[in-house]
C-alpha atoms as a PDB file:
ATOM      1  CA  UNK A   1     -37.720  17.874 -41.830  1.00  0.00           C
ATOM      2  CA  UNK A   2     -38.683  19.693 -38.649  1.00  0.00           C
ATOM      3  CA  UNK A   3     -35.567  21.544 -37.476  1.00  0.00           C
ATOM      4  CA  UNK A   4     -36.692  21.358 -33.851  1.00  0.00           C
ATOM      5  CA  UNK A   5     -35.942  17.642 -33.989  1.00  0.00           C
ATOM      6  CA  UNK A   6     -32.263  18.200 -34.744  1.00  0.00           C
ATOM      7  CA  UNK A   7     -31.467  21.272 -32.691  1.00  0.00           C
ATOM      8  CA  UNK A   8     -32.528  23.132 -29.594  1.00  0.00           C
ATOM      9  CA  UNK A   9     -32.737  26.850 -30.080  1.00  0.00           C
ATOM     10  CA  UNK A  10     -33.304  28.411 -26.705  1.00  0.00           C
ATOM     11  CA  UNK A  11     -31.591  31.522 -25.462  1.00  0.00           C
ATOM     12  CA  UNK A  12     -30.651  30.290 -22.003  1.00  0.00           C
ATOM     13  CA  UNK A  13     -30.060  33.875 -20.930  1.00  0.00           C
ATOM     14  CA  UNK A  14     -33.823  34.328 -21.204  1.00  0.00           C
ATOM     15  CA  UNK A  15     -35.210  32.414 -18.220  1.00  0.00           C
ATOM     16  CA  UNK A  16     -38.820  33.344 -19.025  1.00  0.00           C
ATOM     17  CA  UNK A  17     -38.535  31.763 -22.480  1.00  0.00           C
ATOM     18  CA  UNK A  18     -36.941  28.637 -21.054  1.00  0.00           C
ATOM     19  CA  UNK A  19     -39.576  28.280 -18.321  1.00  0.00           C
ATOM     20  CA  UNK A  20     -42.382  28.864 -20.835  1.00  0.00           C
ATOM     21  CA  UNK A  21     -41.033  26.054 -23.007  1.00  0.00           C
ATOM     22  CA  UNK A  22     -40.642  23.717 -20.010  1.00  0.00           C
ATOM     23  CA  UNK A  23     -44.166  24.525 -18.771  1.00  0.00           C
ATOM     24  CA  UNK A  24     -45.480  23.739 -22.254  1.00  0.00           C
ATOM     25  CA  UNK A  25     -43.693  20.372 -22.145  1.00  0.00           C
ATOM     26  CA  UNK A  26     -45.042  19.749 -18.645  1.00  0.00           C
ATOM     27  CA  UNK A  27     -48.593  20.298 -19.944  1.00  0.00           C
ATOM     28  CA  UNK A  28     -48.317  17.407 -22.443  1.00  0.00           C
ATOM     29  CA  UNK A  29     -50.986  14.787 -21.828  1.00  0.00           C
ATOM     30  CA  UNK A  30     -49.646  12.018 -19.608  1.00  0.00           C
ATOM     31  CA  UNK A  31     -50.961   8.881 -17.998  1.00  0.00           C
ATOM     32  CA  UNK A  32     -52.385   9.623 -14.563  1.00  0.00           C
ATOM     33  CA  UNK A  33     -49.714   8.073 -12.354  1.00  0.00           C
ATOM     34  CA  UNK A  34     -51.893   8.571  -9.269  1.00  0.00           C
ATOM     35  CA  UNK A  35     -54.688   6.355 -10.636  1.00  0.00           C
ATOM     36  CA  UNK A  36     -53.072   3.157  -9.399  1.00  0.00           C
ATOM     37  CA  UNK A  37     -52.835   1.820 -12.956  1.00  0.00           C
ATOM     38  CA  UNK A  38     -49.092   2.454 -13.420  1.00  0.00           C
ATOM     39  CA  UNK A  39     -46.492   0.481 -11.521  1.00  0.00           C
ATOM     40  CA  UNK A  40     -42.851   1.257 -10.960  1.00  0.00           C
ATOM     41  CA  UNK A  41     -42.347   4.465 -12.910  1.00  0.00           C
ATOM     42  CA  UNK A  42     -42.804   7.165 -10.263  1.00  0.00           C
ATOM     43  CA  UNK A  43     -41.565   6.986  -6.697  1.00  0.00           C
ATOM     44  CA  UNK A  44     -42.966  10.061  -5.029  1.00  0.00           C
ATOM     45  CA  UNK A  45     -45.469  10.649  -2.320  1.00  0.00           C
ATOM     46  CA  UNK A  46     -48.458  12.798  -3.201  1.00  0.00           C
ATOM     47  CA  UNK A  47     -47.977  16.522  -2.573  1.00  0.00           C
ATOM     48  CA  UNK A  48     -47.074  16.643   1.072  1.00  0.00           C
ATOM     49  CA  UNK A  49     -44.595  18.116   3.486  1.00  0.00           C
ATOM     50  CA  UNK A  50     -42.034  15.831   1.834  1.00  0.00           C
ATOM     51  CA  UNK A  51     -42.179  17.865  -1.394  1.00  0.00           C
ATOM     52  CA  UNK A  52     -40.390  20.737   0.339  1.00  0.00           C
ATOM     53  CA  UNK A  53     -37.804  18.263   1.632  1.00  0.00           C
ATOM     54  CA  UNK A  54     -37.197  16.954  -1.923  1.00  0.00           C
ATOM     55  CA  UNK A  55     -36.596  20.522  -3.079  1.00  0.00           C
ATOM     56  CA  UNK A  56     -34.163  21.211  -0.237  1.00  0.00           C
ATOM     57  CA  UNK A  57     -32.227  18.017  -0.947  1.00  0.00           C
ATOM     58  CA  UNK A  58     -32.077  18.766  -4.669  1.00  0.00           C
ATOM     59  CA  UNK A  59     -30.819  22.278  -3.927  1.00  0.00           C
ATOM     60  CA  UNK A  60     -28.001  20.768  -1.861  1.00  0.00           C
ATOM     61  CA  UNK A  61     -26.985  17.878  -4.119  1.00  0.00           C
ATOM     62  CA  UNK A  62     -28.513  18.416  -7.573  1.00  0.00           C
ATOM     63  CA  UNK A  63     -25.168  19.287  -9.115  1.00  0.00           C
ATOM     64  CA  UNK A  64     -23.298  16.351  -7.563  1.00  0.00           C
ATOM     65  CA  UNK A  65     -21.993  13.427  -9.601  1.00  0.00           C
ATOM     66  CA  UNK A  66     -21.687  10.165  -7.649  1.00  0.00           C
ATOM     67  CA  UNK A  67     -19.304   8.787 -10.278  1.00  0.00           C
ATOM     68  CA  UNK A  68     -16.615  11.152  -8.992  1.00  0.00           C
ATOM     69  CA  UNK A  69     -16.233  10.185  -5.347  1.00  0.00           C
ATOM     70  CA  UNK A  70     -12.962  12.090  -5.103  1.00  0.00           C
ATOM     71  CA  UNK A  71     -14.800  15.305  -5.951  1.00  0.00           C
ATOM     72  CA  UNK A  72     -17.994  14.515  -3.983  1.00  0.00           C
ATOM     73  CA  UNK A  73     -16.982  12.549  -0.856  1.00  0.00           C
ATOM     74  CA  UNK A  74     -20.274  13.512   0.802  1.00  0.00           C
ATOM     75  CA  UNK A  75     -22.222  11.538  -1.803  1.00  0.00           C
ATOM     76  CA  UNK A  76     -19.924   8.527  -1.351  1.00  0.00           C
ATOM     77  CA  UNK A  77     -20.419   8.684   2.415  1.00  0.00           C
ATOM     78  CA  UNK A  78     -24.211   8.694   2.042  1.00  0.00           C
ATOM     79  CA  UNK A  79     -24.034   5.794  -0.428  1.00  0.00           C
ATOM     80  CA  UNK A  80     -21.874   3.793   2.001  1.00  0.00           C
ATOM     81  CA  UNK A  81     -24.328   4.469   4.835  1.00  0.00           C
ATOM     82  CA  UNK A  82     -27.310   3.296   2.762  1.00  0.00           C
ATOM     83  CA  UNK A  83     -25.448   0.180   1.591  1.00  0.00           C
ATOM     84  CA  UNK A  84     -24.509  -0.639   5.198  1.00  0.00           C
ATOM     85  CA  UNK A  85     -28.129  -0.143   6.354  1.00  0.00           C
ATOM     86  CA  UNK A  86     -29.412  -2.506   3.650  1.00  0.00           C
ATOM     87  CA  UNK A  87     -26.656  -5.040   4.382  1.00  0.00           C
ATOM     88  CA  UNK A  88     -27.651  -4.969   8.052  1.00  0.00           C
ATOM     89  CA  UNK A  89     -31.347  -5.394   7.174  1.00  0.00           C
ATOM     90  CA  UNK A  90     -30.418  -8.569   5.275  1.00  0.00           C
ATOM     91  CA  UNK A  91     -28.117  -9.812   8.066  1.00  0.00           C
ATOM     92  CA  UNK A  92     -24.948  -9.225   6.045  1.00  0.00           C
ATOM     93  CA  UNK A  93     -21.574  -9.317   7.739  1.00  0.00           C
ATOM     94  CA  UNK A  94     -18.703  -6.829   7.472  1.00  0.00           C
ATOM     95  CA  UNK A  95     -17.669  -8.322   4.104  1.00  0.00           C
ATOM     96  CA  UNK A  96     -20.936  -7.406   2.385  1.00  0.00           C
ATOM     97  CA  UNK A  97     -20.559  -4.601  -0.105  1.00  0.00           C
ATOM     98  CA  UNK A  98     -22.768  -2.870  -2.615  1.00  0.00           C
ATOM     99  CA  UNK A  99     -23.463   0.140  -4.725  1.00  0.00           C
ATOM    100  CA  UNK A 100     -26.384   2.346  -5.666  1.00  0.00           C
ATOM    101  CA  UNK A 101     -27.815   2.960  -9.107  1.00  0.00           C
ATOM    102  CA  UNK A 102     -29.848   5.786 -10.540  1.00  0.00           C
ATOM    103  CA  UNK A 103     -32.998   3.875 -11.368  1.00  0.00           C
ATOM    104  CA  UNK A 104     -34.823   0.660 -12.129  1.00  0.00           C
ATOM    105  CA  UNK A 105     -33.410  -0.132 -15.562  1.00  0.00           C
ATOM    106  CA  UNK A 106     -29.843   0.546 -14.474  1.00  0.00           C
ATOM    107  CA  UNK A 107     -30.410  -1.601 -11.383  1.00  0.00           C
ATOM    108  CA  UNK A 108     -31.587  -4.529 -13.509  1.00  0.00           C
ATOM    109  CA  UNK A 109     -28.640  -4.172 -15.894  1.00  0.00           C
ATOM    110  CA  UNK A 110     -26.164  -4.024 -13.009  1.00  0.00           C
ATOM    111  CA  UNK A 111     -27.723  -7.114 -11.397  1.00  0.00           C
ATOM    112  CA  UNK A 112     -27.310  -9.005 -14.692  1.00  0.00           C
ATOM    113  CA  UNK A 113     -23.717  -7.793 -15.028  1.00  0.00           C
ATOM    114  CA  UNK A 114     -22.951  -8.811 -11.449  1.00  0.00           C
ATOM    115  CA  UNK A 115     -24.279 -12.337 -11.987  1.00  0.00           C
ATOM    116  CA  UNK A 116     -22.441 -12.590 -15.316  1.00  0.00           C
ATOM    117  CA  UNK A 117     -19.178 -11.533 -13.680  1.00  0.00           C
ATOM    118  CA  UNK A 118     -19.797 -13.967 -10.811  1.00  0.00           C
ATOM    119  CA  UNK A 119     -20.409 -16.785 -13.303  1.00  0.00           C
ATOM    120  CA  UNK A 120     -17.200 -15.926 -15.168  1.00  0.00           C
ATOM    121  CA  UNK A 121     -15.266 -16.009 -11.884  1.00  0.00           C
ATOM    122  CA  UNK A 122     -16.552 -19.578 -11.402  1.00  0.00           C
ATOM    123  CA  UNK A 123     -15.504 -20.615 -14.929  1.00  0.00           C
ATOM    124  CA  UNK A 124     -19.024 -20.514 -16.323  1.00  0.00           C
ATOM    125  CA  UNK A 125     -18.687 -19.148 -19.847  1.00  0.00           C
ATOM    126  CA  UNK A 126     -22.223 -19.757 -21.122  1.00  0.00           C
ATOM    127  CA  UNK A 127     -24.560 -18.830 -18.262  1.00  0.00           C
ATOM    128  CA  UNK A 128     -28.322 -19.145 -18.656  1.00  0.00           C
ATOM    129  CA  UNK A 129     -30.848 -16.672 -17.409  1.00  0.00           C
END
C-alpha cells in the first residue's frame, strides 16, 4: 500500500517544500475550463483586474467561518445584505428570508431539504420529487 494515501508527511515549517508540493499538484493535467466545454464548475473571470480583488477579499476573510455568526458578525451582515438584494430582485416583501451556501451541490441539497421541511409542515409525509 502506498503510504502517501494514508498520511500526509509535510513539514509545514518548510514553506518551500509545501509550495513545491502544491505547485506539483497544480500542474496535474486538467480539463481546460476556458474551452467552453465545461459548465458550472468554475465561476471566475479570466485573468483580469478582478483577480487582484479576489486576492484582497481572501486576505480579509479567508479565515472567517460563516457558521459562527457570533464570532464573525461582519460575514453575517454581508450575507444579510446579499439575501435582501436577491429578495428585492424577486419582489419579496419584508418577510422574505434566506441563507447562502458554499457551492452548487450544497445549494441543491439545501433546496431539497427546504422543500422537504415545507412538505412536512403541511402534513405531507411522502413527498415526490
